[in-house]
Amino acid sequence: MTINRHNDIEFANKIISKIDIYQTTNELPESNNWEILKLFGFKDNKDFLSPEYTKIDANTYELVFVEGFDGPYLMWNSEERKWKIGNPTIVHHKGITKVK
């Protein structure tokens, strides 16, 4: 995985570093706060940012490289702090549901 997706991982690791620094003095930005997310280096593709950023809770977020309609996808979770191939967490208003 890391050899095939080296450029994506390297690009996103720079974003992760910026989010980590930001989080030391601020709350995690909301998933729809494109103004802040673009400052971290996310690519603006007009209709979506790449990689996709999802705030899971006050301390946890995910980055997902969505390609196509069906997963699994290349993703990183700030709680696990590792790259993997999987399905993103779906956040509901009343809680969190993991998709497997």
PDB file of N, CA and C in Angstrom:
ATOM      1  N   MET A   1       0.825  -1.196   0.000  1.00  0.00           N
ATOM      2  CA  MET A   1       0.000   0.000   0.000  1.00  0.00           C
ATOM      3  C   MET A   1       0.866   1.255   0.000  1.00  0.00           C
ATOM      4  N   THR A   2       1.880   1.313   0.842  1.00  0.00           N
ATOM      5  CA  THR A   2       2.653   2.552   0.950  1.00  0.00           C
ATOM      6  C   THR A   2       3.445   2.839  -0.312  1.00  0.00           C
ATOM      7  N   ILE A   3       3.869   1.801  -1.035  1.00  0.00           N
ATOM      8  CA  ILE A   3       4.610   2.041  -2.272  1.00  0.00           C
ATOM      9  C   ILE A   3       3.670   2.579  -3.344  1.00  0.00           C
ATOM     10  N   ASN A   4       2.502   1.975  -3.486  1.00  0.00           N
ATOM     11  CA  ASN A   4       1.542   2.395  -4.506  1.00  0.00           C
ATOM     12  C   ASN A   4       0.957   3.771  -4.218  1.00  0.00           C
ATOM     13  N   ARG A   5       0.814   4.129  -2.983  1.00  0.00           N
ATOM     14  CA  ARG A   5       0.147   5.379  -2.610  1.00  0.00           C
ATOM     15  C   ARG A   5       1.096   6.354  -1.923  1.00  0.00           C
ATOM     16  N   HIS A   6       2.372   6.225  -2.172  1.00  0.00           N
ATOM     17  CA  HIS A   6       3.386   7.042  -1.501  1.00  0.00           C
ATOM     18  C   HIS A   6       3.098   8.543  -1.627  1.00  0.00           C
ATOM     19  N   ASN A   7       2.775   9.016  -2.815  1.00  0.00           N
ATOM     20  CA  ASN A   7       2.547  10.452  -3.005  1.00  0.00           C
ATOM     21  C   ASN A   7       1.340  10.948  -2.212  1.00  0.00           C
ATOM     22  N   ASP A   8       0.257  10.162  -2.205  1.00  0.00           N
ATOM     23  CA  ASP A   8      -0.925  10.552  -1.432  1.00  0.00           C
ATOM     24  C   ASP A   8      -0.609  10.598   0.057  1.00  0.00           C
ATOM     25  N   ILE A   9       0.090   9.589   0.540  1.00  0.00           N
ATOM     26  CA  ILE A   9       0.438   9.527   1.961  1.00  0.00           C
ATOM     27  C   ILE A   9       1.369  10.668   2.343  1.00  0.00           C
ATOM     28  N   GLU A  10       2.356  10.927   1.526  1.00  0.00           N
ATOM     29  CA  GLU A  10       3.294  12.024   1.799  1.00  0.00           C
ATOM     30  C   GLU A  10       2.561  13.366   1.826  1.00  0.00           C
ATOM     31  N   PHE A  11       1.680  13.593   0.859  1.00  0.00           N
ATOM     32  CA  PHE A  11       0.886  14.816   0.794  1.00  0.00           C
ATOM     33  C   PHE A  11       0.014  14.959   2.051  1.00  0.00           C
ATOM     34  N   ALA A  12      -0.688  13.907   2.408  1.00  0.00           N
ATOM     35  CA  ALA A  12      -1.600  13.955   3.557  1.00  0.00           C
ATOM     36  C   ALA A  12      -0.844  14.058   4.879  1.00  0.00           C
ATOM     37  N   ASN A  13       0.347  13.482   4.974  1.00  0.00           N
ATOM     38  CA  ASN A  13       1.133  13.598   6.208  1.00  0.00           C
ATOM     39  C   ASN A  13       1.469  15.057   6.510  1.00  0.00           C
ATOM     40  N   LYS A  14       1.662  15.870   5.492  1.00  0.00           N
ATOM     41  CA  LYS A  14       1.903  17.303   5.694  1.00  0.00           C
ATOM     42  C   LYS A  14       0.645  17.975   6.259  1.00  0.00           C
ATOM     43  N   ILE A  15      -0.511  17.569   5.765  1.00  0.00           N
ATOM     44  CA  ILE A  15      -1.776  18.092   6.282  1.00  0.00           C
ATOM     45  C   ILE A  15      -1.959  17.672   7.734  1.00  0.00           C
ATOM     46  N   ILE A  16      -1.680  16.412   8.033  1.00  0.00           N
ATOM     47  CA  ILE A  16      -1.817  15.895   9.401  1.00  0.00           C
ATOM     48  C   ILE A  16      -0.941  16.697  10.358  1.00  0.00           C
ATOM     49  N   SER A  17       0.272  17.005   9.959  1.00  0.00           N
ATOM     50  CA  SER A  17       1.172  17.805  10.810  1.00  0.00           C
ATOM     51  C   SER A  17       0.578  19.176  11.097  1.00  0.00           C
ATOM     52  N   LYS A  18      -0.005  19.790  10.091  1.00  0.00           N
ATOM     53  CA  LYS A  18      -0.610  21.115  10.277  1.00  0.00           C
ATOM     54  C   LYS A  18      -1.842  21.040  11.175  1.00  0.00           C
ATOM     55  N   ILE A  19      -2.639  19.992  11.024  1.00  0.00           N
ATOM     56  CA  ILE A  19      -3.814  19.821  11.890  1.00  0.00           C
ATOM     57  C   ILE A  19      -3.365  19.601  13.331  1.00  0.00           C
ATOM     58  N   ASP A  20      -2.331  18.782  13.530  1.00  0.00           N
ATOM     59  CA  ASP A  20      -1.820  18.524  14.883  1.00  0.00           C
ATOM     60  C   ASP A  20      -1.365  19.813  15.564  1.00  0.00           C
ATOM     61  N   ILE A  21      -0.666  20.652  14.831  1.00  0.00           N
ATOM     62  CA  ILE A  21      -0.210  21.933  15.385  1.00  0.00           C
ATOM     63  C   ILE A  21      -1.420  22.816  15.706  1.00  0.00           C
ATOM     64  N   TYR A  22      -2.351  22.899  14.785  1.00  0.00           N
ATOM     65  CA  TYR A  22      -3.559  23.705  14.978  1.00  0.00           C
ATOM     66  C   TYR A  22      -4.340  23.233  16.195  1.00  0.00           C
ATOM     67  N   GLN A  23      -4.429  21.928  16.370  1.00  0.00           N
ATOM     68  CA  GLN A  23      -5.229  21.346  17.450  1.00  0.00           C
ATOM     69  C   GLN A  23      -4.631  21.612  18.829  1.00  0.00           C
ATOM     70  N   THR A  24      -3.377  21.975  18.915  1.00  0.00           N
ATOM     71  CA  THR A  24      -2.781  22.260  20.225  1.00  0.00           C
ATOM     72  C   THR A  24      -3.371  23.514  20.859  1.00  0.00           C
ATOM     73  N   THR A  25      -3.884  24.445  20.050  1.00  0.00           N
ATOM     74  CA  THR A  25      -4.440  25.682  20.589  1.00  0.00           C
ATOM     75  C   THR A  25      -5.878  25.951  20.147  1.00  0.00           C
ATOM     76  N   ASN A  26      -6.445  25.069  19.336  1.00  0.00           N
ATOM     77  CA  ASN A  26      -7.802  25.252  18.811  1.00  0.00           C
ATOM     78  C   ASN A  26      -8.549  23.929  18.844  1.00  0.00           C
ATOM     79  N   GLU A  27      -9.853  24.012  18.687  1.00  0.00           N
ATOM     80  CA  GLU A  27     -10.643  22.801  18.495  1.00  0.00           C
ATOM     81  C   GLU A  27     -10.466  22.340  17.059  1.00  0.00           C
ATOM     82  N   LEU A  28     -10.703  21.056  16.815  1.00  0.00           N
ATOM     83  CA  LEU A  28     -10.667  20.566  15.442  1.00  0.00           C
ATOM     84  C   LEU A  28     -11.692  21.323  14.617  1.00  0.00           C
ATOM     85  N   PRO A  29     -11.353  21.669  13.387  1.00  0.00           N
ATOM     86  CA  PRO A  29     -12.352  22.341  12.552  1.00  0.00           C
ATOM     87  C   PRO A  29     -13.477  21.377  12.186  1.00  0.00           C
ATOM     88  N   GLU A  30     -14.636  21.930  11.931  1.00  0.00           N
ATOM     89  CA  GLU A  30     -15.759  21.127  11.475  1.00  0.00           C
ATOM     90  C   GLU A  30     -15.474  20.627  10.060  1.00  0.00           C
ATOM     91  N   SER A  31     -16.141  19.562   9.680  1.00  0.00           N
ATOM     92  CA  SER A  31     -15.918  18.947   8.370  1.00  0.00           C
ATOM     93  C   SER A  31     -16.252  19.886   7.213  1.00  0.00           C
ATOM     94  N   ASN A  32     -17.143  20.832   7.436  1.00  0.00           N
ATOM     95  CA  ASN A  32     -17.545  21.741   6.366  1.00  0.00           C
ATOM     96  C   ASN A  32     -16.850  23.108   6.417  1.00  0.00           C
ATOM     97  N   ASN A  33     -15.817  23.252   7.241  1.00  0.00           N
ATOM     98  CA  ASN A  33     -15.107  24.527   7.344  1.00  0.00           C
ATOM     99  C   ASN A  33     -13.967  24.567   6.322  1.00  0.00           C
ATOM    100  N   TRP A  34     -14.344  24.701   5.061  1.00  0.00           N
ATOM    101  CA  TRP A  34     -13.368  24.658   3.977  1.00  0.00           C
ATOM    102  C   TRP A  34     -12.334  25.774   4.085  1.00  0.00           C
ATOM    103  N   GLU A  35     -12.714  26.906   4.625  1.00  0.00           N
ATOM    104  CA  GLU A  35     -11.780  28.029   4.752  1.00  0.00           C
ATOM    105  C   GLU A  35     -10.560  27.619   5.575  1.00  0.00           C
ATOM    106  N   ILE A  36     -10.779  27.003   6.719  1.00  0.00           N
ATOM    107  CA  ILE A  36      -9.675  26.543   7.569  1.00  0.00           C
ATOM    108  C   ILE A  36      -8.970  25.346   6.930  1.00  0.00           C
ATOM    109  N   LEU A  37      -9.739  24.393   6.411  1.00  0.00           N
ATOM    110  CA  LEU A  37      -9.144  23.183   5.849  1.00  0.00           C
ATOM    111  C   LEU A  37      -8.214  23.495   4.677  1.00  0.00           C
ATOM    112  N   LYS A  38      -8.570  24.461   3.855  1.00  0.00           N
ATOM    113  CA  LYS A  38      -7.699  24.836   2.740  1.00  0.00           C
ATOM    114  C   LYS A  38      -6.371  25.399   3.239  1.00  0.00           C
ATOM    115  N   LEU A  39      -6.368  26.033   4.412  1.00  0.00           N
ATOM    116  CA  LEU A  39      -5.117  26.543   4.979  1.00  0.00           C
ATOM    117  C   LEU A  39      -4.156  25.410   5.343  1.00  0.00           C
ATOM    118  N   PHE A  40      -4.693  24.235   5.623  1.00  0.00           N
ATOM    119  CA  PHE A  40      -3.865  23.068   5.943  1.00  0.00           C
ATOM    120  C   PHE A  40      -3.261  22.443   4.697  1.00  0.00           C
ATOM    121  N   GLY A  41      -3.777  22.795   3.512  1.00  0.00           N
ATOM    122  CA  GLY A  41      -3.223  22.267   2.274  1.00  0.00           C
ATOM    123  C   GLY A  41      -4.117  21.299   1.525  1.00  0.00           C
ATOM    124  N   PHE A  42      -5.364  21.137   1.970  1.00  0.00           N
ATOM    125  CA  PHE A  42      -6.274  20.268   1.234  1.00  0.00           C
ATOM    126  C   PHE A  42      -6.444  20.798  -0.179  1.00  0.00           C
ATOM    127  N   LYS A  43      -6.562  19.892  -1.158  1.00  0.00           N
ATOM    128  CA  LYS A  43      -6.798  20.287  -2.542  1.00  0.00           C
ATOM    129  C   LYS A  43      -8.277  20.609  -2.718  1.00  0.00           C
ATOM    130  N   ASP A  44      -8.561  21.771  -3.293  1.00  0.00           N
ATOM    131  CA  ASP A  44      -9.935  22.189  -3.556  1.00  0.00           C
ATOM    132  C   ASP A  44     -10.321  21.748  -4.961  1.00  0.00           C
ATOM    133  N   ASN A  45     -11.206  20.780  -5.045  1.00  0.00           N
ATOM    134  CA  ASN A  45     -11.680  20.265  -6.326  1.00  0.00           C
ATOM    135  C   ASN A  45     -13.072  20.797  -6.667  1.00  0.00           C
ATOM    136  N   LYS A  46     -13.372  21.990  -6.240  1.00  0.00           N
ATOM    137  CA  LYS A  46     -14.634  22.722  -6.444  1.00  0.00           C
ATOM    138  C   LYS A  46     -15.807  22.120  -5.679  1.00  0.00           C
ATOM    139  N   ASP A  47     -16.075  20.833  -5.824  1.00  0.00           N
ATOM    140  CA  ASP A  47     -17.211  20.215  -5.137  1.00  0.00           C
ATOM    141  C   ASP A  47     -16.804  19.451  -3.881  1.00  0.00           C
ATOM    142  N   PHE A  48     -15.511  19.219  -3.707  1.00  0.00           N
ATOM    143  CA  PHE A  48     -15.021  18.458  -2.561  1.00  0.00           C
ATOM    144  C   PHE A  48     -13.552  18.778  -2.327  1.00  0.00           C
ATOM    145  N   LEU A  49     -13.105  18.502  -1.123  1.00  0.00           N
ATOM    146  CA  LEU A  49     -11.690  18.650  -0.783  1.00  0.00           C
ATOM    147  C   LEU A  49     -11.039  17.276  -0.827  1.00  0.00           C
ATOM    148  N   SER A  50      -9.756  17.261  -1.150  1.00  0.00           N
ATOM    149  CA  SER A  50      -9.021  16.003  -1.197  1.00  0.00           C
ATOM    150  C   SER A  50      -7.762  16.134  -0.362  1.00  0.00           C
ATOM    151  N   PRO A  51      -7.502  15.176   0.527  1.00  0.00           N
ATOM    152  CA  PRO A  51      -8.369  14.050   0.859  1.00  0.00           C
ATOM    153  C   PRO A  51      -9.605  14.536   1.603  1.00  0.00           C
ATOM    154  N   GLU A  52     -10.593  13.665   1.714  1.00  0.00           N
ATOM    155  CA  GLU A  52     -11.811  14.012   2.446  1.00  0.00           C
ATOM    156  C   GLU A  52     -11.502  14.047   3.936  1.00  0.00           C
ATOM    157  N   TYR A  53     -11.961  15.095   4.604  1.00  0.00           N
ATOM    158  CA  TYR A  53     -11.751  15.269   6.046  1.00  0.00           C
ATOM    159  C   TYR A  53     -13.098  15.128   6.739  1.00  0.00           C
ATOM    160  N   THR A  54     -13.126  14.303   7.799  1.00  0.00           N
ATOM    161  CA  THR A  54     -14.336  14.159   8.601  1.00  0.00           C
ATOM    162  C   THR A  54     -13.971  14.282  10.068  1.00  0.00           C
ATOM    163  N   LYS A  55     -14.601  15.236  10.743  1.00  0.00           N
ATOM    164  CA  LYS A  55     -14.445  15.349  12.191  1.00  0.00           C
ATOM    165  C   LYS A  55     -15.368  14.323  12.827  1.00  0.00           C
ATOM    166  N   ILE A  56     -14.785  13.379  13.582  1.00  0.00           N
ATOM    167  CA  ILE A  56     -15.556  12.309  14.217  1.00  0.00           C
ATOM    168  C   ILE A  56     -16.103  12.776  15.564  1.00  0.00           C
ATOM    169  N   ASP A  57     -15.239  13.373  16.376  1.00  0.00           N
ATOM    170  CA  ASP A  57     -15.641  13.935  17.666  1.00  0.00           C
ATOM    171  C   ASP A  57     -14.662  15.057  17.994  1.00  0.00           C
ATOM    172  N   ALA A  58     -14.673  15.549  19.196  1.00  0.00           N
ATOM    173  CA  ALA A  58     -13.851  16.706  19.568  1.00  0.00           C
ATOM    174  C   ALA A  58     -12.358  16.472  19.365  1.00  0.00           C
ATOM    175  N   ASN A  59     -11.913  15.208  19.419  1.00  0.00           N
ATOM    176  CA  ASN A  59     -10.481  14.917  19.338  1.00  0.00           C
ATOM    177  C   ASN A  59     -10.082  14.022  18.182  1.00  0.00           C
ATOM    178  N   THR A  60     -11.020  13.551  17.404  1.00  0.00           N
ATOM    179  CA  THR A  60     -10.737  12.549  16.383  1.00  0.00           C
ATOM    180  C   THR A  60     -11.230  12.997  15.015  1.00  0.00           C
ATOM    181  N   TYR A  61     -10.420  12.733  13.998  1.00  0.00           N
ATOM    182  CA  TYR A  61     -10.809  13.016  12.626  1.00  0.00           C
ATOM    183  C   TYR A  61     -10.245  11.944  11.712  1.00  0.00           C
ATOM    184  N   GLU A  62     -10.783  11.876  10.507  1.00  0.00           N
ATOM    185  CA  GLU A  62     -10.290  10.945   9.501  1.00  0.00           C
ATOM    186  C   GLU A  62      -9.981  11.682   8.218  1.00  0.00           C
ATOM    187  N   LEU A  63      -8.963  11.190   7.529  1.00  0.00           N
ATOM    188  CA  LEU A  63      -8.665  11.613   6.173  1.00  0.00           C
ATOM    189  C   LEU A  63      -8.873  10.399   5.293  1.00  0.00           C
ATOM    190  N   VAL A  64      -9.610  10.580   4.192  1.00  0.00           N
ATOM    191  CA  VAL A  64      -9.918   9.466   3.302  1.00  0.00           C
ATOM    192  C   VAL A  64      -9.705   9.914   1.865  1.00  0.00           C
ATOM    193  N   PHE A  65      -8.962   9.113   1.110  1.00  0.00           N
ATOM    194  CA  PHE A  65      -8.823   9.333  -0.326  1.00  0.00           C
ATOM    195  C   PHE A  65      -9.917   8.537  -1.014  1.00  0.00           C
ATOM    196  N   VAL A  66     -11.020   9.199  -1.325  1.00  0.00           N
ATOM    197  CA  VAL A  66     -12.170   8.542  -1.941  1.00  0.00           C
ATOM    198  C   VAL A  66     -11.916   8.429  -3.439  1.00  0.00           C
ATOM    199  N   GLU A  67     -11.996   7.220  -3.924  1.00  0.00           N
ATOM    200  CA  GLU A  67     -11.846   6.957  -5.356  1.00  0.00           C
ATOM    201  C   GLU A  67     -12.955   6.008  -5.758  1.00  0.00           C
ATOM    202  N   GLY A  68     -13.851   6.469  -6.609  1.00  0.00           N
ATOM    203  CA  GLY A  68     -14.976   5.641  -7.011  1.00  0.00           C
ATOM    204  C   GLY A  68     -16.074   5.662  -5.967  1.00  0.00           C
ATOM    205  N   PHE A  69     -17.047   4.795  -6.149  1.00  0.00           N
ATOM    206  CA  PHE A  69     -18.201   4.784  -5.262  1.00  0.00           C
ATOM    207  C   PHE A  69     -18.071   3.785  -4.119  1.00  0.00           C
ATOM    208  N   ASP A  70     -17.361   2.724  -4.342  1.00  0.00           N
ATOM    209  CA  ASP A  70     -17.260   1.669  -3.333  1.00  0.00           C
ATOM    210  C   ASP A  70     -15.857   1.618  -2.744  1.00  0.00           C
ATOM    211  N   GLY A  71     -15.805   1.414  -1.412  1.00  0.00           N
ATOM    212  CA  GLY A  71     -14.525   1.245  -0.750  1.00  0.00           C
ATOM    213  C   GLY A  71     -14.034  -0.163  -0.946  1.00  0.00           C
ATOM    214  N   PRO A  72     -13.007  -0.525  -0.279  1.00  0.00           N
ATOM    215  CA  PRO A  72     -12.326   0.252   0.755  1.00  0.00           C
ATOM    216  C   PRO A  72     -11.418   1.323   0.151  1.00  0.00           C
ATOM    217  N   TYR A  73     -11.066   2.293   0.996  1.00  0.00           N
ATOM    218  CA  TYR A  73     -10.271   3.442   0.578  1.00  0.00           C
ATOM    219  C   TYR A  73      -9.004   3.557   1.421  1.00  0.00           C
ATOM    220  N   LEU A  74      -8.046   4.314   0.900  1.00  0.00           N
ATOM    221  CA  LEU A  74      -6.863   4.674   1.678  1.00  0.00           C
ATOM    222  C   LEU A  74      -7.312   5.699   2.705  1.00  0.00           C
ATOM    223  N   MET A  75      -7.027   5.430   3.976  1.00  0.00           N
ATOM    224  CA  MET A  75      -7.508   6.333   5.024  1.00  0.00           C
ATOM    225  C   MET A  75      -6.566   6.377   6.221  1.00  0.00           C
ATOM    226  N   TRP A  76      -6.734   7.434   7.005  1.00  0.00           N
ATOM    227  CA  TRP A  76      -5.956   7.670   8.218  1.00  0.00           C
ATOM    228  C   TRP A  76      -6.899   8.178   9.288  1.00  0.00           C
ATOM    229  N   ASN A  77      -6.822   7.604  10.468  1.00  0.00           N
ATOM    230  CA  ASN A  77      -7.663   8.002  11.589  1.00  0.00           C
ATOM    231  C   ASN A  77      -6.750   8.553  12.677  1.00  0.00           C
ATOM    232  N   SER A  78      -7.076   9.727  13.199  1.00  0.00           N
ATOM    233  CA  SER A  78      -6.193  10.383  14.173  1.00  0.00           C
ATOM    234  C   SER A  78      -6.123   9.643  15.498  1.00  0.00           C
ATOM    235  N   GLU A  79      -7.088   8.794  15.793  1.00  0.00           N
ATOM    236  CA  GLU A  79      -7.037   8.011  17.021  1.00  0.00           C
ATOM    237  C   GLU A  79      -6.082   6.821  16.857  1.00  0.00           C
ATOM    238  N   GLU A  80      -6.159   6.147  15.709  1.00  0.00           N
ATOM    239  CA  GLU A  80      -5.281   5.006  15.443  1.00  0.00           C
ATOM    240  C   GLU A  80      -3.886   5.445  15.015  1.00  0.00           C
ATOM    241  N   ARG A  81      -3.818   6.600  14.345  1.00  0.00           N
ATOM    242  CA  ARG A  81      -2.571   7.209  13.877  1.00  0.00           C
ATOM    243  C   ARG A  81      -1.769   6.283  12.965  1.00  0.00           C
ATOM    244  N   LYS A  82      -2.478   5.667  12.010  1.00  0.00           N
ATOM    245  CA  LYS A  82      -1.792   4.841  11.015  1.00  0.00           C
ATOM    246  C   LYS A  82      -2.614   4.820   9.732  1.00  0.00           C
ATOM    247  N   TRP A  83      -1.914   4.635   8.614  1.00  0.00           N
ATOM    248  CA  TRP A  83      -2.560   4.509   7.322  1.00  0.00           C
ATOM    249  C   TRP A  83      -3.064   3.084   7.159  1.00  0.00           C
ATOM    250  N   LYS A  84      -4.237   2.961   6.540  1.00  0.00           N
ATOM    251  CA  LYS A  84      -4.801   1.640   6.290  1.00  0.00           C
ATOM    252  C   LYS A  84      -5.763   1.717   5.112  1.00  0.00           C
ATOM    253  N   ILE A  85      -6.171   0.557   4.660  1.00  0.00           N
ATOM    254  CA  ILE A  85      -7.213   0.458   3.654  1.00  0.00           C
ATOM    255  C   ILE A  85      -8.474   0.045   4.400  1.00  0.00           C
ATOM    256  N   GLY A  86      -9.549   0.820   4.264  1.00  0.00           N
ATOM    257  CA  GLY A  86     -10.765   0.510   5.001  1.00  0.00           C
ATOM    258  C   GLY A  86     -11.923   1.376   4.564  1.00  0.00           C
ATOM    259  N   ASN A  87     -12.964   1.324   5.357  1.00  0.00           N
ATOM    260  CA  ASN A  87     -14.156   2.124   5.111  1.00  0.00           C
ATOM    261  C   ASN A  87     -14.250   3.220   6.165  1.00  0.00           C
ATOM    262  N   PRO A  88     -14.629   4.417   5.752  1.00  0.00           N
ATOM    263  CA  PRO A  88     -14.685   5.542   6.695  1.00  0.00           C
ATOM    264  C   PRO A  88     -15.770   5.377   7.747  1.00  0.00           C
ATOM    265  N   THR A  89     -15.586   6.076   8.837  1.00  0.00           N
ATOM    266  CA  THR A  89     -16.579   6.144   9.895  1.00  0.00           C
ATOM    267  C   THR A  89     -17.723   7.030   9.425  1.00  0.00           C
ATOM    268  N   ILE A  90     -18.933   6.604   9.684  1.00  0.00           N
ATOM    269  CA  ILE A  90     -20.102   7.425   9.372  1.00  0.00           C
ATOM    270  C   ILE A  90     -20.547   8.076  10.672  1.00  0.00           C
ATOM    271  N   VAL A  91     -20.640   9.388  10.662  1.00  0.00           N
ATOM    272  CA  VAL A  91     -21.020  10.134  11.855  1.00  0.00           C
ATOM    273  C   VAL A  91     -22.494  10.500  11.744  1.00  0.00           C
ATOM    274  N   HIS A  92     -23.272  10.085  12.746  1.00  0.00           N
ATOM    275  CA  HIS A  92     -24.688  10.431  12.830  1.00  0.00           C
ATOM    276  C   HIS A  92     -24.845  11.488  13.916  1.00  0.00           C
ATOM    277  N   HIS A  93     -25.931  12.209  13.887  1.00  0.00           N
ATOM    278  CA  HIS A  93     -26.171  13.252  14.893  1.00  0.00           C
ATOM    279  C   HIS A  93     -26.259  12.690  16.297  1.00  0.00           C
ATOM    280  N   LYS A  94     -26.693  11.443  16.435  1.00  0.00           N
ATOM    281  CA  LYS A  94     -26.862  10.853  17.761  1.00  0.00           C
ATOM    282  C   LYS A  94     -25.719   9.927  18.137  1.00  0.00           C
ATOM    283  N   GLY A  95     -24.642   9.943  17.389  1.00  0.00           N
ATOM    284  CA  GLY A  95     -23.523   9.087  17.740  1.00  0.00           C
ATOM    285  C   GLY A  95     -22.727   8.685  16.519  1.00  0.00           C
ATOM    286  N   ILE A  96     -21.835   7.751  16.705  1.00  0.00           N
ATOM    287  CA  ILE A  96     -20.915   7.313  15.676  1.00  0.00           C
ATOM    288  C   ILE A  96     -21.230   5.876  15.309  1.00  0.00           C
ATOM    289  N   THR A  97     -21.232   5.593  14.048  1.00  0.00           N
ATOM    290  CA  THR A  97     -21.415   4.234  13.572  1.00  0.00           C
ATOM    291  C   THR A  97     -20.219   3.878  12.709  1.00  0.00           C
ATOM    292  N   LYS A  98     -19.573   2.782  13.005  1.00  0.00           N
ATOM    293  CA  LYS A  98     -18.460   2.319  12.181  1.00  0.00           C
ATOM    294  C   LYS A  98     -19.012   1.478  11.040  1.00  0.00           C
ATOM    295  N   VAL A  99     -18.522   1.726   9.846  1.00  0.00           N
ATOM    296  CA  VAL A  99     -18.885   0.923   8.693  1.00  0.00           C
ATOM    297  C   VAL A  99     -17.782  -0.084   8.490  1.00  0.00           C
ATOM    298  N   LYS A 100     -18.136  -1.338   8.315  1.00  0.00           N
ATOM    299  CA  LYS A 100     -17.125  -2.376   8.120  1.00  0.00           C
ATOM    300  C   LYS A 100     -17.281  -3.000   6.768  1.00  0.00           C
TER     301      LYS A 100
END
